[in-house]
Amino acid sequence: MAMRCKPGDIALVVRAEHLHNIGLIVRVLGPYPGGDIDLPGRGFLWEVECKQLQMWMMNGQVRWRHRGPVPDEYLLPLRGQQADREAETFAAQVRPKKTTQKQARAQPPAA
C-alpha cells in the first residue's frame, strides 16, 4: 500500500480517535519510533508535531502533547495551493462546533 505522507510534509488530520484532533495541521517528522503512546492495529504510524496540543488516550488517561503518533491513513498531505484551499474548507466543515460535557472534562490544561 502506498503511503500518503512523507517526512517533512505538512498534513491535515482528517480522521482521529478523538474529535479534538480532527482539523489540526501537523508536520510529519518521520516514522514513529515508539514510546508511551501505542496505537496497535492502526497501520503505519508517523511521528507528527503540532502547534496545538493533540489528544491521546492511554490506559484510561488523557495525554496532551505537541508530538506523537498518527496513522498515515488519518492524514491528508497538503501540497500546492489547491490542496491548501481544499484543506481549509475541509477543516472548517469537520471542526466540532459544540463540546459535550465529556469532551469538556478532557480539555487540554491551560497554558
Protein backbone atom coordinates (compact mmCIF):
# COMPACT_ATOMS: atom_id res chain seq x y z
CA MET A 1 0.00 0.00 0.00
CA ALA A 2 1.33 3.43 -0.94
CA MET A 3 1.96 5.97 1.80
CA ARG A 4 0.03 9.22 1.72
CA CYS A 5 2.68 11.26 3.57
CA LYS A 6 6.44 11.56 3.68
CA PRO A 7 8.82 13.16 6.20
CA GLY A 8 8.68 16.95 6.05
CA ASP A 9 5.08 17.10 4.79
CA ILE A 10 2.53 19.45 6.29
CA ALA A 11 -0.69 17.48 6.68
CA LEU A 12 -4.28 17.89 7.81
CA VAL A 13 -5.65 15.38 10.33
CA VAL A 14 -8.82 14.13 8.57
CA ARG A 15 -9.62 11.19 10.84
CA ALA A 16 -8.92 10.63 14.52
CA GLU A 17 -9.92 8.63 17.57
CA HIS A 18 -10.70 11.92 19.35
CA LEU A 19 -12.69 14.73 17.69
CA HIS A 20 -10.31 17.30 19.17
CA ASN A 21 -7.58 16.18 16.74
CA ILE A 22 -9.64 16.44 13.54
CA GLY A 23 -8.71 19.50 11.53
CA LEU A 24 -5.31 20.02 13.16
CA ILE A 25 -2.42 20.91 10.88
CA VAL A 26 0.69 18.86 11.64
CA ARG A 27 4.25 18.48 10.37
CA VAL A 28 5.28 14.90 9.58
CA LEU A 29 8.65 14.29 11.26
CA GLY A 30 9.29 10.67 10.30
CA PRO A 31 8.33 7.13 11.25
CA TYR A 32 7.08 6.88 14.84
CA PRO A 33 9.93 5.35 16.88
CA GLY A 34 7.61 4.06 19.60
CA GLY A 35 7.09 5.33 23.10
CA ASP A 36 4.47 5.54 25.80
CA ILE A 37 1.64 6.03 23.28
CA ASP A 38 0.69 2.84 21.44
CA LEU A 39 -1.81 2.57 18.58
CA PRO A 40 -1.93 -1.15 17.66
CA GLY A 41 -3.72 -2.18 14.50
CA ARG A 42 -3.79 1.32 13.00
CA GLY A 43 -1.21 0.69 10.25
CA PHE A 44 1.93 2.71 9.67
CA LEU A 45 2.46 5.46 12.24
CA TRP A 46 4.13 8.80 11.65
CA GLU A 47 5.54 10.96 14.40
CA VAL A 48 4.00 14.39 13.93
CA GLU A 49 4.22 17.72 15.69
CA CYS A 50 1.58 20.39 16.00
CA LYS A 51 1.45 23.90 17.46
CA GLN A 52 -1.82 22.98 19.19
CA LEU A 53 -1.96 20.20 21.75
CA GLN A 54 -3.08 16.85 20.38
CA MET A 55 -5.05 14.36 22.48
CA TRP A 56 -4.34 10.67 23.02
CA MET A 57 -5.91 8.24 25.48
CA MET A 58 -3.68 5.56 27.01
CA ASN A 59 -4.66 3.21 29.83
CA GLY A 60 -7.64 5.39 30.69
CA GLN A 61 -5.56 8.56 30.95
CA VAL A 62 -5.76 11.55 28.63
CA ARG A 63 -2.39 12.68 27.30
CA TRP A 64 -1.93 16.12 25.73
CA ARG A 65 1.18 16.58 23.62
CA HIS A 66 2.54 18.61 20.74
CA ARG A 67 4.29 15.49 19.34
CA GLY A 68 3.07 11.96 18.93
CA PRO A 69 1.94 9.18 16.59
CA VAL A 70 -0.72 9.48 13.88
CA PRO A 71 -1.59 6.73 11.37
CA ASP A 72 -0.74 7.56 7.76
CA GLU A 73 -4.36 6.94 6.70
CA TYR A 74 -5.56 9.65 9.14
CA LEU A 75 -3.53 12.35 7.35
CA LEU A 76 -4.07 14.37 4.17
CA PRO A 77 -0.77 15.83 2.94
CA LEU A 78 -1.02 19.46 1.86
CA ARG A 79 0.89 20.12 -1.32
CA GLY A 80 0.30 23.10 -3.59
CA GLN A 81 -2.19 25.97 -3.45
CA GLN A 82 -5.29 23.97 -4.40
CA ALA A 83 -4.62 21.45 -1.63
CA ASP A 84 -4.28 24.32 0.85
CA ARG A 85 -7.68 25.75 -0.15
CA GLU A 86 -9.35 22.33 0.00
CA ALA A 87 -7.82 21.61 3.40
CA GLU A 88 -9.06 24.93 4.82
CA THR A 89 -12.58 24.21 3.57
CA PHE A 90 -12.49 20.67 4.92
CA ALA A 91 -11.18 21.76 8.32
CA ALA A 92 -13.95 24.35 8.64
CA GLN A 93 -16.56 21.69 7.91
CA VAL A 94 -15.32 18.98 10.26
CA ARG A 95 -14.14 21.01 13.25
CA PRO A 96 -16.51 20.27 16.14
CA LYS A 97 -18.84 23.21 16.81
CA LYS A 98 -20.07 22.13 20.26
CA THR A 99 -18.26 20.50 23.12
CA THR A 100 -20.02 17.77 25.06
CA GLN A 101 -19.69 17.51 28.83
CA LYS A 102 -17.40 14.51 28.40
CA GLN A 103 -15.18 16.45 26.00
CA ALA A 104 -15.17 19.46 28.32
CA ARG A 105 -13.76 17.33 31.13
CA ALA A 106 -10.95 16.22 28.82
CA GLN A 107 -9.98 19.72 27.64
CA PRO A 108 -6.25 20.48 27.48
CA PRO A 109 -4.67 22.11 30.50
CA ALA A 110 -4.41 25.90 30.46
CA ALA A 111 -1.06 27.07 29.17
